[in-house]
Amino acid sequence: MELEKVLLVGVNLDDGTDFQQSMKELASLAEACNMEVVGTVVQNLPTINKGLYIGTGKVEEVHEEAGVLGATTVIFDNALSPMQLRNLQQEIGVNVMDRTGLILDIFSERAKTREAKMQVEIAKLQYMLPRLAGLRTSLGRQGGGSGLSNKGAGEKKIELDRRRIEHRMSELRKELETILQERETQRKQRMQSGIPRVALVGYTNAGKSTLLNVMIDTYVGDESKKVLEKDMLFATLDTTVRKITPKNHKPFLLSDTVGFINQLPHNLVKAFQSTLEEAKYADLLLEVIDFSDENYKDHMKVTEETLKEIGAEAVPVVYIFNKADLVDVTIPSVKGNKIFMSAKSKIGMEELLQTMEAVLFKDYVECDMRIPFSKGNILAVLKESADIMSTEYEPEGTKIHLNCRKADYQKYESYVIR
């Protein structure tokens, strides 16, 4: 398959951000969207050009460079206003995209479940709505999967497109509401089960799916439960929840979430709000960090900001400095709520579980209870929510030695053997 040739354009505003890293990440995003980067044009400016984003002379240079290199798309490393997009489209003469549009395209290609597809489509339509004039020549790409027909797109009036987009968004929101109610019901059931909920969060491509699959491989042993694992930005979009039952450790529910990235479009965060809420309602967050990436501190900052945006900043965190085998440090090593390990090499898994348990089960009570045979339902609840270490059958009932939540201890205190 021949890849689409693209030219990258960036403006260095010298505003404290790592411009080179941002451009490198833009190239990775393009590659993740099955594009071939054939060139890069940069400009140093004190402020962006309101009408064209870059200077008029630079626009001409981009136009010529795209022609020489055979680029059919020019991608800008920032969000373009509707006016800038329209003007650049006219001046350069080829398809123009910005970073937001590129990320939306990647999400559109990656989404697998019905819910994820609808979430992406809403975000994409919201992005398109104010930019219809500028997108007139490229509705085929930007409208992919959004219910828009490209037939005679140039002849259709913008107002007609606008009405159709608004109608489609209304339909999608109604459908999504039904799915969200189902998700909320499932979440409440998981919360009532008493099993701790753990969510994997972090920058895209840090190794979250790898860690989830290693947990499944080691403690579940069911290949069908694994998720897509690929060295690529945004390989995972759909939230997956798996029950992990490690030997000699307490069980927990582990969910994988969509990765974060610098300048993650706000409408995408909003669209994936229900999915990201797995982190908000978790008992513990495992923040996976690619320790081998020189920009890992910036990635941690982006993750912190995104967690704050979705209301998950108060959830306890264990920081997993993953891929530490690629750095000159001793692994595994644990420093408080920080663990240096390698998920792919399965180095540090036991230490990770111990670190998790220190946080998850700090409010647990170890005790003995005697449950009457007539109260089998209570025993069933405790088997599901507590860690039962031994069981004995006595004339008066079932004697168990267990580690349970303080709330369960107080609830069933009348059965506690003093």
Foldseek 3Di string as FASTA:
>chain_A
DDAAEEEEEEEAQVPPDDRVVLVVVLCQLCVLLRHHYQYYYYYYDNAADLQARHDPVVLVVLLVVCVVRVHQEYEYSADHALRNLQVSCVSSVHHYYYSQLSVLLSQCVQDDDPLSNLLSLLLLLVVCQRNVNSCQVPCVSSVPSNPDDPVVSNVDDSVVVNVVSVVSSVVSVVVNVVVLVVLVVVVVVQVLLQAAQEEEAFAFQLCQLLLVQLQCVQFVVDPVLHDDDDNGGFNDAAKHWDWGDHPPAGIHIYIYHTYFDPPNDPSSLVSCLSRVCSLQPGQEYEYRFALLDPCRVVRVVRRCVSCVVSNNNPHHYQYEHEPCVNPPDDPADDDQSYTYAYSNVPTCPVVNRVSVCVRNQVQKDWFKFFDAPVVVVLVVSCVRNWAWDDWDQDPRGIITTTIHGPVSCVVPVVRTDD
